[in-house]
PDB file of N, CA and C in Angstrom:
ATOM      1  N   MET A   1     148.914  36.678  -1.739  1.00  0.00           N
ATOM      2  CA  MET A   1     149.132  38.054  -1.336  1.00  0.00           C
ATOM      3  C   MET A   1     150.022  38.046  -0.086  1.00  0.00           C
ATOM      4  N   ASP A   2     151.053  38.841  -0.108  1.00  0.00           N
ATOM      5  CA  ASP A   2     151.972  38.851   1.020  1.00  0.00           C
ATOM      6  C   ASP A   2     151.446  39.729   2.157  1.00  0.00           C
ATOM      7  N   ARG A   3     152.114  39.626   3.279  1.00  0.00           N
ATOM      8  CA  ARG A   3     151.676  40.310   4.501  1.00  0.00           C
ATOM      9  C   ARG A   3     151.687  41.834   4.351  1.00  0.00           C
ATOM     10  N   GLN A   4     152.714  42.367   3.722  1.00  0.00           N
ATOM     11  CA  GLN A   4     152.815  43.824   3.533  1.00  0.00           C
ATOM     12  C   GLN A   4     151.642  44.352   2.711  1.00  0.00           C
ATOM     13  N   ARG A   5     151.276  43.638   1.682  1.00  0.00           N
ATOM     14  CA  ARG A   5     150.160  44.048   0.824  1.00  0.00           C
ATOM     15  C   ARG A   5     148.843  44.043   1.599  1.00  0.00           C
ATOM     16  N   ILE A   6     148.663  43.057   2.457  1.00  0.00           N
ATOM     17  CA  ILE A   6     147.443  42.987   3.273  1.00  0.00           C
ATOM     18  C   ILE A   6     147.380  44.169   4.229  1.00  0.00           C
ATOM     19  N   ILE A   7     148.499  44.495   4.862  1.00  0.00           N
ATOM     20  CA  ILE A   7     148.546  45.627   5.790  1.00  0.00           C
ATOM     21  C   ILE A   7     148.239  46.932   5.055  1.00  0.00           C
ATOM     22  N   GLU A   8     148.768  47.080   3.854  1.00  0.00           N
ATOM     23  CA  GLU A   8     148.499  48.290   3.078  1.00  0.00           C
ATOM     24  C   GLU A   8     147.024  48.400   2.702  1.00  0.00           C
ATOM     25  N   ARG A   9     146.411  47.288   2.345  1.00  0.00           N
ATOM     26  CA  ARG A   9     144.979  47.317   2.011  1.00  0.00           C
ATOM     27  C   ARG A   9     144.118  47.629   3.231  1.00  0.00           C
ATOM     28  N   VAL A  10     144.504  47.097   4.378  1.00  0.00           N
ATOM     29  CA  VAL A  10     143.772  47.400   5.611  1.00  0.00           C
ATOM     30  C   VAL A  10     143.885  48.889   5.929  1.00  0.00           C
ATOM     31  N   ALA A  11     145.084  49.454   5.776  1.00  0.00           N
ATOM     32  CA  ALA A  11     145.282  50.880   6.042  1.00  0.00           C
ATOM     33  C   ALA A  11     144.436  51.729   5.094  1.00  0.00           C
ATOM     34  N   ALA A  12     144.437  51.393   3.818  1.00  0.00           N
ATOM     35  CA  ALA A  12     143.648  52.146   2.845  1.00  0.00           C
ATOM     36  C   ALA A  12     142.153  52.012   3.130  1.00  0.00           C
ATOM     37  N   THR A  13     141.724  50.819   3.493  1.00  0.00           N
ATOM     38  CA  THR A  13     140.315  50.602   3.819  1.00  0.00           C
ATOM     39  C   THR A  13     139.897  51.408   5.042  1.00  0.00           C
ATOM     40  N   LEU A  14     140.740  51.432   6.064  1.00  0.00           N
ATOM     41  CA  LEU A  14     140.438  52.234   7.251  1.00  0.00           C
ATOM     42  C   LEU A  14     140.354  53.723   6.911  1.00  0.00           C
ATOM     43  N   GLY A  15     141.204  54.174   6.003  1.00  0.00           N
ATOM     44  CA  GLY A  15     141.153  55.570   5.582  1.00  0.00           C
ATOM     45  C   GLY A  15     139.855  55.910   4.871  1.00  0.00           C
ATOM     46  N   VAL A  16     139.418  55.031   3.978  1.00  0.00           N
ATOM     47  CA  VAL A  16     138.157  55.268   3.263  1.00  0.00           C
ATOM     48  C   VAL A  16     136.980  55.214   4.232  1.00  0.00           C
ATOM     49  N   LEU A  17     136.989  54.261   5.141  1.00  0.00           N
ATOM     50  CA  LEU A  17     135.917  54.190   6.149  1.00  0.00           C
ATOM     51  C   LEU A  17     135.922  55.427   7.043  1.00  0.00           C
ATOM     52  N   GLY A  18     137.100  55.934   7.339  1.00  0.00           N
ATOM     53  CA  GLY A  18     137.203  57.165   8.117  1.00  0.00           C
ATOM     54  C   GLY A  18     136.599  58.354   7.387  1.00  0.00           C
ATOM     55  N   LEU A  19     136.773  58.397   6.074  1.00  0.00           N
ATOM     56  CA  LEU A  19     136.144  59.473   5.295  1.00  0.00           C
ATOM     57  C   LEU A  19     134.626  59.403   5.410  1.00  0.00           C
ATOM     58  N   PHE A  20     134.081  58.189   5.361  1.00  0.00           N
ATOM     59  CA  PHE A  20     132.630  58.057   5.508  1.00  0.00           C
ATOM     60  C   PHE A  20     132.166  58.381   6.930  1.00  0.00           C
ATOM     61  N   ALA A  21     133.043  58.200   7.909  1.00  0.00           N
ATOM     62  CA  ALA A  21     132.694  58.565   9.285  1.00  0.00           C
ATOM     63  C   ALA A  21     132.631  60.075   9.461  1.00  0.00           C
ATOM     64  N   VAL A  22     133.377  60.809   8.662  1.00  0.00           N
ATOM     65  CA  VAL A  22     133.377  62.274   8.748  1.00  0.00           C
ATOM     66  C   VAL A  22     132.228  62.884   7.949  1.00  0.00           C
ATOM     67  N   LEU A  23     131.694  62.158   6.988  1.00  0.00           N
ATOM     68  CA  LEU A  23     130.637  62.677   6.114  1.00  0.00           C
ATOM     69  C   LEU A  23     129.428  63.251   6.862  1.00  0.00           C
ATOM     70  N   PRO A  24     128.911  62.646   7.934  1.00  0.00           N
ATOM     71  CA  PRO A  24     127.759  63.251   8.615  1.00  0.00           C
ATOM     72  C   PRO A  24     128.025  64.669   9.126  1.00  0.00           C
ATOM     73  N   PHE A  25     129.254  64.972   9.496  1.00  0.00           N
ATOM     74  CA  PHE A  25     129.574  66.328   9.926  1.00  0.00           C
ATOM     75  C   PHE A  25     129.449  67.305   8.759  1.00  0.00           C
ATOM     76  N   TYR A  26     129.895  66.889   7.590  1.00  0.00           N
ATOM     77  CA  TYR A  26     129.785  67.733   6.403  1.00  0.00           C
ATOM     78  C   TYR A  26     128.319  67.961   6.033  1.00  0.00           C
ATOM     79  N   VAL A  27     127.515  66.923   6.105  1.00  0.00           N
ATOM     80  CA  VAL A  27     126.095  67.049   5.766  1.00  0.00           C
ATOM     81  C   VAL A  27     125.369  67.902   6.802  1.00  0.00           C
ATOM     82  N   ALA A  28     125.695  67.719   8.073  1.00  0.00           N
ATOM     83  CA  ALA A  28     125.022  68.464   9.141  1.00  0.00           C
ATOM     84  C   ALA A  28     125.465  69.912   9.214  1.00  0.00           C
ATOM     85  N   SER A  29     126.488  70.290   8.489  1.00  0.00           N
ATOM     86  CA  SER A  29     126.925  71.683   8.529  1.00  0.00           C
ATOM     87  C   SER A  29     125.877  72.605   7.927  1.00  0.00           C
ATOM     88  N   GLY A  30     124.899  72.052   7.254  1.00  0.00           N
ATOM     89  CA  GLY A  30     123.794  72.846   6.735  1.00  0.00           C
ATOM     90  C   GLY A  30     122.981  73.514   7.822  1.00  0.00           C
ATOM     91  N   LEU A  31     123.145  73.090   9.058  1.00  0.00           N
ATOM     92  CA  LEU A  31     122.440  73.721  10.165  1.00  0.00           C
ATOM     93  C   LEU A  31     123.004  75.097  10.489  1.00  0.00           C
ATOM     94  N   ALA A  32     124.264  75.341  10.156  1.00  0.00           N
ATOM     95  CA  ALA A  32     124.887  76.616  10.496  1.00  0.00           C
ATOM     96  C   ALA A  32     125.445  77.350   9.284  1.00  0.00           C
ATOM     97  N   ALA A  33     125.858  76.632   8.272  1.00  0.00           N
ATOM     98  CA  ALA A  33     126.528  77.251   7.123  1.00  0.00           C
ATOM     99  C   ALA A  33     125.534  77.561   6.014  1.00  0.00           C
ATOM    100  N   PRO A  34     125.834  78.562   5.200  1.00  0.00           N
ATOM    101  CA  PRO A  34     124.975  78.839   4.044  1.00  0.00           C
ATOM    102  C   PRO A  34     125.152  77.779   2.962  1.00  0.00           C
ATOM    103  N   PHE A  35     124.239  77.795   2.003  1.00  0.00           N
ATOM    104  CA  PHE A  35     124.228  76.768   0.961  1.00  0.00           C
ATOM    105  C   PHE A  35     125.534  76.697   0.184  1.00  0.00           C
ATOM    106  N   TRP A  36     126.099  77.837  -0.173  1.00  0.00           N
ATOM    107  CA  TRP A  36     127.332  77.835  -0.964  1.00  0.00           C
ATOM    108  C   TRP A  36     128.471  77.176  -0.207  1.00  0.00           C
ATOM    109  N   ALA A  37     128.514  77.350   1.110  1.00  0.00           N
ATOM    110  CA  ALA A  37     129.575  76.739   1.910  1.00  0.00           C
ATOM    111  C   ALA A  37     129.398  75.225   1.983  1.00  0.00           C
ATOM    112  N   ILE A  38     128.160  74.777   2.063  1.00  0.00           N
ATOM    113  CA  ILE A  38     127.885  73.345   2.098  1.00  0.00           C
ATOM    114  C   ILE A  38     128.306  72.705   0.774  1.00  0.00           C
ATOM    115  N   VAL A  39     128.010  73.371  -0.322  1.00  0.00           N
ATOM    116  CA  VAL A  39     128.397  72.845  -1.635  1.00  0.00           C
ATOM    117  C   VAL A  39     129.919  72.738  -1.727  1.00  0.00           C
ATOM    118  N   LEU A  40     130.645  73.760  -1.276  1.00  0.00           N
ATOM    119  CA  LEU A  40     132.106  73.725  -1.302  1.00  0.00           C
ATOM    120  C   LEU A  40     132.658  72.631  -0.392  1.00  0.00           C
ATOM    121  N   LEU A  41     132.092  72.490   0.792  1.00  0.00           N
ATOM    122  CA  LEU A  41     132.557  71.451   1.712  1.00  0.00           C
ATOM    123  C   LEU A  41     132.322  70.054   1.141  1.00  0.00           C
ATOM    124  N   LEU A  42     131.145  69.833   0.587  1.00  0.00           N
ATOM    125  CA  LEU A  42     130.858  68.518   0.014  1.00  0.00           C
ATOM    126  C   LEU A  42     131.696  68.250  -1.235  1.00  0.00           C
ATOM    127  N   ALA A  43     131.995  69.279  -2.005  1.00  0.00           N
ATOM    128  CA  ALA A  43     132.884  69.104  -3.161  1.00  0.00           C
ATOM    129  C   ALA A  43     134.289  68.723  -2.694  1.00  0.00           C
ATOM    130  N   PHE A  44     134.743  69.333  -1.607  1.00  0.00           N
ATOM    131  CA  PHE A  44     136.050  68.986  -1.057  1.00  0.00           C
ATOM    132  C   PHE A  44     136.054  67.539  -0.567  1.00  0.00           C
ATOM    133  N   TRP A  45     134.991  67.134   0.124  1.00  0.00           N
ATOM    134  CA  TRP A  45     134.909  65.758   0.615  1.00  0.00           C
ATOM    135  C   TRP A  45     134.890  64.771  -0.549  1.00  0.00           C
ATOM    136  N   LEU A  46     134.128  65.086  -1.589  1.00  0.00           N
ATOM    137  CA  LEU A  46     134.082  64.209  -2.766  1.00  0.00           C
ATOM    138  C   LEU A  46     135.441  64.132  -3.457  1.00  0.00           C
ATOM    139  N   ALA A  47     136.181  65.236  -3.478  1.00  0.00           N
ATOM    140  CA  ALA A  47     137.522  65.218  -4.063  1.00  0.00           C
ATOM    141  C   ALA A  47     138.443  64.321  -3.248  1.00  0.00           C
ATOM    142  N   LEU A  48     138.325  64.370  -1.926  1.00  0.00           N
ATOM    143  CA  LEU A  48     139.118  63.477  -1.081  1.00  0.00           C
ATOM    144  C   LEU A  48     138.750  62.017  -1.338  1.00  0.00           C
ATOM    145  N   LEU A  49     137.470  61.728  -1.453  1.00  0.00           N
ATOM    146  CA  LEU A  49     137.029  60.362  -1.708  1.00  0.00           C
ATOM    147  C   LEU A  49     137.519  59.873  -3.071  1.00  0.00           C
ATOM    148  N   ALA A  50     137.414  60.711  -4.093  1.00  0.00           N
ATOM    149  CA  ALA A  50     137.885  60.323  -5.423  1.00  0.00           C
ATOM    150  C   ALA A  50     139.387  60.068  -5.415  1.00  0.00           C
ATOM    151  N   THR A  51     140.120  60.901  -4.703  1.00  0.00           N
ATOM    152  CA  THR A  51     141.567  60.703  -4.598  1.00  0.00           C
ATOM    153  C   THR A  51     141.876  59.407  -3.860  1.00  0.00           C
ATOM    154  N   ALA A  52     141.142  59.125  -2.801  1.00  0.00           N
ATOM    155  CA  ALA A  52     141.365  57.895  -2.036  1.00  0.00           C
ATOM    156  C   ALA A  52     141.099  56.666  -2.900  1.00  0.00           C
ATOM    157  N   ILE A  53     140.053  56.707  -3.695  1.00  0.00           N
ATOM    158  CA  ILE A  53     139.739  55.574  -4.563  1.00  0.00           C
ATOM    159  C   ILE A  53     140.822  55.398  -5.622  1.00  0.00           C
ATOM    160  N   ARG A  54     141.276  56.508  -6.185  1.00  0.00           N
ATOM    161  CA  ARG A  54     142.308  56.443  -7.215  1.00  0.00           C
ATOM    162  C   ARG A  54     143.640  55.968  -6.651  1.00  0.00           C
ATOM    163  N   TRP A  55     143.960  56.342  -5.426  1.00  0.00           N
ATOM    164  CA  TRP A  55     145.227  55.990  -4.789  1.00  0.00           C
ATOM    165  C   TRP A  55     145.181  54.665  -4.040  1.00  0.00           C
ATOM    166  N   PHE A  56     144.054  53.999  -3.977  1.00  0.00           N
ATOM    167  CA  PHE A  56     143.879  52.839  -3.109  1.00  0.00           C
ATOM    168  C   PHE A  56     144.979  51.802  -3.257  1.00  0.00           C
ATOM    169  N   ALA A  57     145.326  51.433  -4.457  1.00  0.00           N
ATOM    170  CA  ALA A  57     146.333  50.382  -4.667  1.00  0.00           C
ATOM    171  C   ALA A  57     147.763  50.924  -4.698  1.00  0.00           C
ATOM    172  N   ARG A  58     147.931  52.139  -5.194  1.00  0.00           N
ATOM    173  CA  ARG A  58     149.285  52.664  -5.370  1.00  0.00           C
ATOM    174  C   ARG A  58     149.839  53.355  -4.134  1.00  0.00           C
ATOM    175  N   TYR A  59     149.032  54.177  -3.471  1.00  0.00           N
ATOM    176  CA  TYR A  59     149.485  54.965  -2.318  1.00  0.00           C
ATOM    177  C   TYR A  59     148.543  54.756  -1.132  1.00  0.00           C
ATOM    178  N   PRO A  60     148.591  53.610  -0.482  1.00  0.00           N
ATOM    179  CA  PRO A  60     147.611  53.338   0.578  1.00  0.00           C
ATOM    180  C   PRO A  60     147.836  54.134   1.864  1.00  0.00           C
ATOM    181  N   TRP A  61     149.071  54.464   2.195  1.00  0.00           N
ATOM    182  CA  TRP A  61     149.327  55.122   3.477  1.00  0.00           C
ATOM    183  C   TRP A  61     148.811  56.551   3.562  1.00  0.00           C
ATOM    184  N   PRO A  62     148.910  57.378   2.530  1.00  0.00           N
ATOM    185  CA  PRO A  62     148.322  58.722   2.642  1.00  0.00           C
ATOM    186  C   PRO A  62     146.804  58.708   2.830  1.00  0.00           C
ATOM    187  N   ILE A  63     146.151  57.654   2.370  1.00  0.00           N
ATOM    188  CA  ILE A  63     144.697  57.564   2.526  1.00  0.00           C
ATOM    189  C   ILE A  63     144.326  57.505   4.006  1.00  0.00           C
ATOM    190  N   LEU A  64     145.185  56.933   4.798  1.00  0.00           N
ATOM    191  CA  LEU A  64     144.926  56.835   6.241  1.00  0.00           C
ATOM    192  C   LEU A  64     144.860  58.215   6.896  1.00  0.00           C
ATOM    193  N   ALA A  65     145.525  59.214   6.328  1.00  0.00           N
ATOM    194  CA  ALA A  65     145.512  60.568   6.885  1.00  0.00           C
ATOM    195  C   ALA A  65     144.332  61.403   6.394  1.00  0.00           C
ATOM    196  N   MET A  66     143.680  60.980   5.336  1.00  0.00           N
ATOM    197  CA  MET A  66     142.611  61.784   4.738  1.00  0.00           C
ATOM    198  C   MET A  66     141.435  62.085   5.671  1.00  0.00           C
ATOM    199  N   PRO A  67     140.980  61.158   6.508  1.00  0.00           N
ATOM    200  CA  PRO A  67     139.895  61.517   7.425  1.00  0.00           C
ATOM    201  C   PRO A  67     140.286  62.621   8.404  1.00  0.00           C
ATOM    202  N   PHE A  68     141.539  62.648   8.811  1.00  0.00           N
ATOM    203  CA  PHE A  68     142.002  63.692   9.718  1.00  0.00           C
ATOM    204  C   PHE A  68     142.058  65.042   9.005  1.00  0.00           C
ATOM    205  N   VAL A  69     142.468  65.021   7.750  1.00  0.00           N
ATOM    206  CA  VAL A  69     142.462  66.243   6.944  1.00  0.00           C
ATOM    207  C   VAL A  69     141.029  66.721   6.754  1.00  0.00           C
ATOM    208  N   ALA A  70     140.129  65.809   6.447  1.00  0.00           N
ATOM    209  CA  ALA A  70     138.722  66.175   6.242  1.00  0.00           C
ATOM    210  C   ALA A  70     138.116  66.750   7.519  1.00  0.00           C
ATOM    211  N   ALA A  71     138.409  66.154   8.655  1.00  0.00           N
ATOM    212  CA  ALA A  71     137.879  66.663   9.922  1.00  0.00           C
ATOM    213  C   ALA A  71     138.456  68.035  10.244  1.00  0.00           C
ATOM    214  N   ALA A  72     139.745  68.227   9.988  1.00  0.00           N
ATOM    215  CA  ALA A  72     140.376  69.519  10.273  1.00  0.00           C
ATOM    216  C   ALA A  72     139.811  70.619   9.375  1.00  0.00           C
ATOM    217  N   VAL A  73     139.614  70.318   8.095  1.00  0.00           N
ATOM    218  CA  VAL A  73     139.052  71.311   7.180  1.00  0.00           C
ATOM    219  C   VAL A  73     137.629  71.658   7.580  1.00  0.00           C
ATOM    220  N   TRP A  74     136.845  70.657   7.940  1.00  0.00           N
ATOM    221  CA  TRP A  74     135.468  70.930   8.379  1.00  0.00           C
ATOM    222  C   TRP A  74     135.459  71.800   9.631  1.00  0.00           C
ATOM    223  N   TRP A  75     136.271  71.431  10.620  1.00  0.00           N
ATOM    224  CA  TRP A  75     136.298  72.181  11.869  1.00  0.00           C
ATOM    225  C   TRP A  75     136.764  73.626  11.635  1.00  0.00           C
ATOM    226  N   LEU A  76     137.809  73.798  10.854  1.00  0.00           N
ATOM    227  CA  LEU A  76     138.305  75.149  10.574  1.00  0.00           C
ATOM    228  C   LEU A  76     137.284  75.976   9.805  1.00  0.00           C
ATOM    229  N   SER A  77     136.642  75.385   8.822  1.00  0.00           N
ATOM    230  CA  SER A  77     135.671  76.153   8.048  1.00  0.00           C
ATOM    231  C   SER A  77     134.467  76.541   8.898  1.00  0.00           C
ATOM    232  N   MET A  78     134.010  75.650   9.748  1.00  0.00           N
ATOM    233  CA  MET A  78     132.874  75.996  10.606  1.00  0.00           C
ATOM    234  C   MET A  78     133.261  77.026  11.669  1.00  0.00           C
ATOM    235  N   THR A  79     134.444  76.878  12.239  1.00  0.00           N
ATOM    236  CA  THR A  79     134.897  77.825  13.258  1.00  0.00           C
ATOM    237  C   THR A  79     135.129  79.208  12.662  1.00  0.00           C
ATOM    238  N   LEU A  80     135.838  79.265  11.533  1.00  0.00           N
ATOM    239  CA  LEU A  80     136.084  80.558  10.895  1.00  0.00           C
ATOM    240  C   LEU A  80     134.809  81.161  10.324  1.00  0.00           C
ATOM    241  N   GLY A  81     133.924  80.325   9.812  1.00  0.00           N
ATOM    242  CA  GLY A  81     132.645  80.824   9.313  1.00  0.00           C
ATOM    243  C   GLY A  81     131.816  81.445  10.419  1.00  0.00           C
ATOM    244  N   GLU A  82     131.850  80.842  11.589  1.00  0.00           N
ATOM    245  CA  GLU A  82     131.099  81.401  12.711  1.00  0.00           C
ATOM    246  C   GLU A  82     131.718  82.695  13.210  1.00  0.00           C
ATOM    247  N   SER A  83     133.032  82.717  13.358  1.00  0.00           N
ATOM    248  CA  SER A  83     133.665  83.891  13.941  1.00  0.00           C
ATOM    249  C   SER A  83     133.827  85.047  12.950  1.00  0.00           C
ATOM    250  N   LEU A  84     134.137  84.733  11.694  1.00  0.00           N
ATOM    251  CA  LEU A  84     134.399  85.807  10.732  1.00  0.00           C
ATOM    252  C   LEU A  84     133.187  86.166   9.866  1.00  0.00           C
ATOM    253  N   LEU A  85     132.358  85.201   9.561  1.00  0.00           N
ATOM    254  CA  LEU A  85     131.243  85.438   8.650  1.00  0.00           C
ATOM    255  C   LEU A  85     129.874  85.458   9.331  1.00  0.00           C
ATOM    256  N   GLY A  86     129.854  85.169  10.617  1.00  0.00           N
ATOM    257  CA  GLY A  86     128.614  85.241  11.371  1.00  0.00           C
ATOM    258  C   GLY A  86     127.639  84.101  11.153  1.00  0.00           C
ATOM    259  N   TRP A  87     128.141  82.919  10.770  1.00  0.00           N
ATOM    260  CA  TRP A  87     127.254  81.775  10.614  1.00  0.00           C
ATOM    261  C   TRP A  87     126.737  81.375  11.989  1.00  0.00           C
ATOM    262  N   GLN A  88     125.435  81.113  12.070  1.00  0.00           N
ATOM    263  CA  GLN A  88     124.841  80.679  13.338  1.00  0.00           C
ATOM    264  C   GLN A  88     123.849  79.582  13.079  1.00  0.00           C
ATOM    265  N   ALA A  89     123.722  78.710  14.067  1.00  0.00           N
ATOM    266  CA  ALA A  89     122.754  77.618  13.952  1.00  0.00           C
ATOM    267  C   ALA A  89     121.364  78.118  14.256  1.00  0.00           C
TER     268      ALA A  89
END
């Protein structure tokens, strides 16, 4: 295996691990969000994970950005849910 391939696998692995690092925030959103919002958030996270697994060998670099996308979506949904929909802990 050449050096470039190893670097790509490390990047993809870090992206997948980053997705798992964001997962506790999605699970803990049940403290403030209603059930339907939690289901939608977890479905979005699972879609990101499935995409990361499918892209692991072919597109490793976009996987590195997925944890940041997941964190941004979680933060925006919780912030907008609190301000616009009245979600409270």
